[in-house]
Amino acid sequence: MTFSKGTSVILNSFLGTSEPEVDLNCNENYWLLIGKKGKIIDYHASYQDRVLVLFNNNLDDYGLENHNPIKNSLWIKKADLILDIE
């Protein structure tokens, strides 16, 4: 599957799983975003297996950490994404 800038995607899993395997801080529960849509806005050669996804949702509403320069964006593994074909 080819992921390029502007591609609409859905988070299908996070770190390869559908739910966290261990207890974690609420601000790190990115599994809450499974099923949420976004758009690929960047990729970097150093992060060969990840792309920068700008989510349609406000990550602050979920209490999640997001430190990227672009608000509501996270570096996500390509394997955790599916194409949004709607």
C-alpha atoms as a PDB file:
ATOM      1  CA  MET A   1       0.000   0.000   0.000  1.00  0.00           C
ATOM      2  CA  THR A   2       1.369   3.407  -0.934  1.00  0.00           C
ATOM      3  CA  PHE A   3       1.091   6.232   1.532  1.00  0.00           C
ATOM      4  CA  SER A   4       1.830   9.723   0.271  1.00  0.00           C
ATOM      5  CA  LYS A   5       1.054  13.268   1.387  1.00  0.00           C
ATOM      6  CA  GLY A   6      -2.636  13.993   1.227  1.00  0.00           C
ATOM      7  CA  THR A   7      -3.733  10.364   1.555  1.00  0.00           C
ATOM      8  CA  SER A   8      -6.785   9.953   3.816  1.00  0.00           C
ATOM      9  CA  VAL A   9      -6.300   7.187   6.365  1.00  0.00           C
ATOM     10  CA  ILE A  10      -7.968   5.512   9.336  1.00  0.00           C
ATOM     11  CA  LEU A  11      -6.068   4.321  12.388  1.00  0.00           C
ATOM     12  CA  ASN A  12      -6.685   0.570  12.425  1.00  0.00           C
ATOM     13  CA  SER A  13      -4.391  -0.321  15.340  1.00  0.00           C
ATOM     14  CA  PHE A  14      -1.670   1.303  17.406  1.00  0.00           C
ATOM     15  CA  LEU A  15       1.754  -0.302  17.729  1.00  0.00           C
ATOM     16  CA  GLY A  16       0.235  -3.348  16.044  1.00  0.00           C
ATOM     17  CA  THR A  17      -2.493  -4.001  18.606  1.00  0.00           C
ATOM     18  CA  SER A  18      -6.132  -3.040  19.062  1.00  0.00           C
ATOM     19  CA  GLU A  19      -5.750  -2.251  22.754  1.00  0.00           C
ATOM     20  CA  PRO A  20      -2.869  -1.553  25.113  1.00  0.00           C
ATOM     21  CA  GLU A  21      -1.191  -4.619  26.590  1.00  0.00           C
ATOM     22  CA  VAL A  22      -0.278  -2.924  29.869  1.00  0.00           C
ATOM     23  CA  ASP A  23      -1.643  -0.218  32.111  1.00  0.00           C
ATOM     24  CA  LEU A  24      -0.457   3.181  30.988  1.00  0.00           C
ATOM     25  CA  ASN A  25      -1.007   6.828  31.696  1.00  0.00           C
ATOM     26  CA  CYS A  26      -4.247   8.193  30.245  1.00  0.00           C
ATOM     27  CA  ASN A  27      -2.278  10.781  28.261  1.00  0.00           C
ATOM     28  CA  GLU A  28      -0.515   7.938  26.406  1.00  0.00           C
ATOM     29  CA  ASN A  29      -3.597   5.865  25.497  1.00  0.00           C
ATOM     30  CA  TYR A  30      -3.386   6.427  21.730  1.00  0.00           C
ATOM     31  CA  TRP A  31      -5.556   3.342  21.238  1.00  0.00           C
ATOM     32  CA  LEU A  32      -8.487   5.716  21.821  1.00  0.00           C
ATOM     33  CA  LEU A  33      -7.853   6.952  18.277  1.00  0.00           C
ATOM     34  CA  ILE A  34      -8.485   3.584  16.621  1.00  0.00           C
ATOM     35  CA  GLY A  35     -11.166   4.113  13.999  1.00  0.00           C
ATOM     36  CA  LYS A  36     -10.426   7.834  13.763  1.00  0.00           C
ATOM     37  CA  LYS A  37      -9.629   9.450  10.427  1.00  0.00           C
ATOM     38  CA  GLY A  38      -6.818  11.705   9.370  1.00  0.00           C
ATOM     39  CA  LYS A  39      -4.621  12.728   6.493  1.00  0.00           C
ATOM     40  CA  ILE A  40      -0.945  12.067   5.879  1.00  0.00           C
ATOM     41  CA  ILE A  41       0.823  15.395   5.919  1.00  0.00           C
ATOM     42  CA  ASP A  42       4.479  14.359   5.971  1.00  0.00           C
ATOM     43  CA  TYR A  43       6.976  11.555   5.963  1.00  0.00           C
ATOM     44  CA  HIS A  44      10.711  11.503   6.600  1.00  0.00           C
ATOM     45  CA  ALA A  45      13.382   9.187   5.286  1.00  0.00           C
ATOM     46  CA  SER A  46      14.617   8.628   8.847  1.00  0.00           C
ATOM     47  CA  TYR A  47      11.177   7.307   9.829  1.00  0.00           C
ATOM     48  CA  GLN A  48      10.829   4.743   7.060  1.00  0.00           C
ATOM     49  CA  ASP A  49       8.000   2.896   8.745  1.00  0.00           C
ATOM     50  CA  ARG A  50       6.073   5.977   9.973  1.00  0.00           C
ATOM     51  CA  VAL A  51       4.134   8.866   8.489  1.00  0.00           C
ATOM     52  CA  LEU A  52       2.869  12.066  10.101  1.00  0.00           C
ATOM     53  CA  VAL A  53      -0.921  11.885  10.367  1.00  0.00           C
ATOM     54  CA  LEU A  54      -3.022  14.961  11.048  1.00  0.00           C
ATOM     55  CA  PHE A  55      -6.117  13.618  12.767  1.00  0.00           C
ATOM     56  CA  ASN A  56      -9.553  15.127  12.176  1.00  0.00           C
ATOM     57  CA  ASN A  57     -10.078  14.998  15.944  1.00  0.00           C
ATOM     58  CA  ASN A  58      -8.650  17.321  18.569  1.00  0.00           C
ATOM     59  CA  LEU A  59      -6.197  15.141  20.515  1.00  0.00           C
ATOM     60  CA  ASP A  60      -6.604  17.409  23.555  1.00  0.00           C
ATOM     61  CA  ASP A  61     -10.231  16.235  23.788  1.00  0.00           C
ATOM     62  CA  TYR A  62      -8.836  12.760  24.499  1.00  0.00           C
ATOM     63  CA  GLY A  63      -6.236  14.074  26.955  1.00  0.00           C
ATOM     64  CA  LEU A  64      -3.425  12.759  24.736  1.00  0.00           C
ATOM     65  CA  GLU A  65       0.097  14.073  24.513  1.00  0.00           C
ATOM     66  CA  ASN A  66       0.934  15.546  21.134  1.00  0.00           C
ATOM     67  CA  HIS A  67       4.212  17.410  20.935  1.00  0.00           C
ATOM     68  CA  ASN A  68       4.580  17.731  17.172  1.00  0.00           C
ATOM     69  CA  PRO A  69       4.832  21.233  15.698  1.00  0.00           C
ATOM     70  CA  ILE A  70       1.478  20.699  13.970  1.00  0.00           C
ATOM     71  CA  LYS A  71      -1.321  20.321  16.514  1.00  0.00           C
ATOM     72  CA  ASN A  72      -3.303  17.046  16.382  1.00  0.00           C
ATOM     73  CA  SER A  73      -0.620  15.214  14.421  1.00  0.00           C
ATOM     74  CA  LEU A  74       1.238  12.033  15.377  1.00  0.00           C
ATOM     75  CA  TRP A  75       3.936   9.902  13.759  1.00  0.00           C
ATOM     76  CA  ILE A  76       2.129   6.614  13.098  1.00  0.00           C
ATOM     77  CA  LYS A  77       3.473   3.306  11.819  1.00  0.00           C
ATOM     78  CA  LYS A  78       2.261   2.619   8.303  1.00  0.00           C
ATOM     79  CA  ALA A  79       1.231  -0.894   9.360  1.00  0.00           C
ATOM     80  CA  ASP A  80      -1.319   0.639  11.763  1.00  0.00           C
ATOM     81  CA  LEU A  81      -3.127   2.538   9.002  1.00  0.00           C
ATOM     82  CA  ILE A  82      -5.699   1.629   6.392  1.00  0.00           C
ATOM     83  CA  LEU A  83      -6.848   3.772   3.492  1.00  0.00           C
ATOM     84  CA  ASP A  84     -10.016   5.814   3.989  1.00  0.00           C
ATOM     85  CA  ILE A  85     -11.868   5.042   0.781  1.00  0.00           C
ATOM     86  CA  GLU A  86     -15.007   7.089   1.516  1.00  0.00           C
END
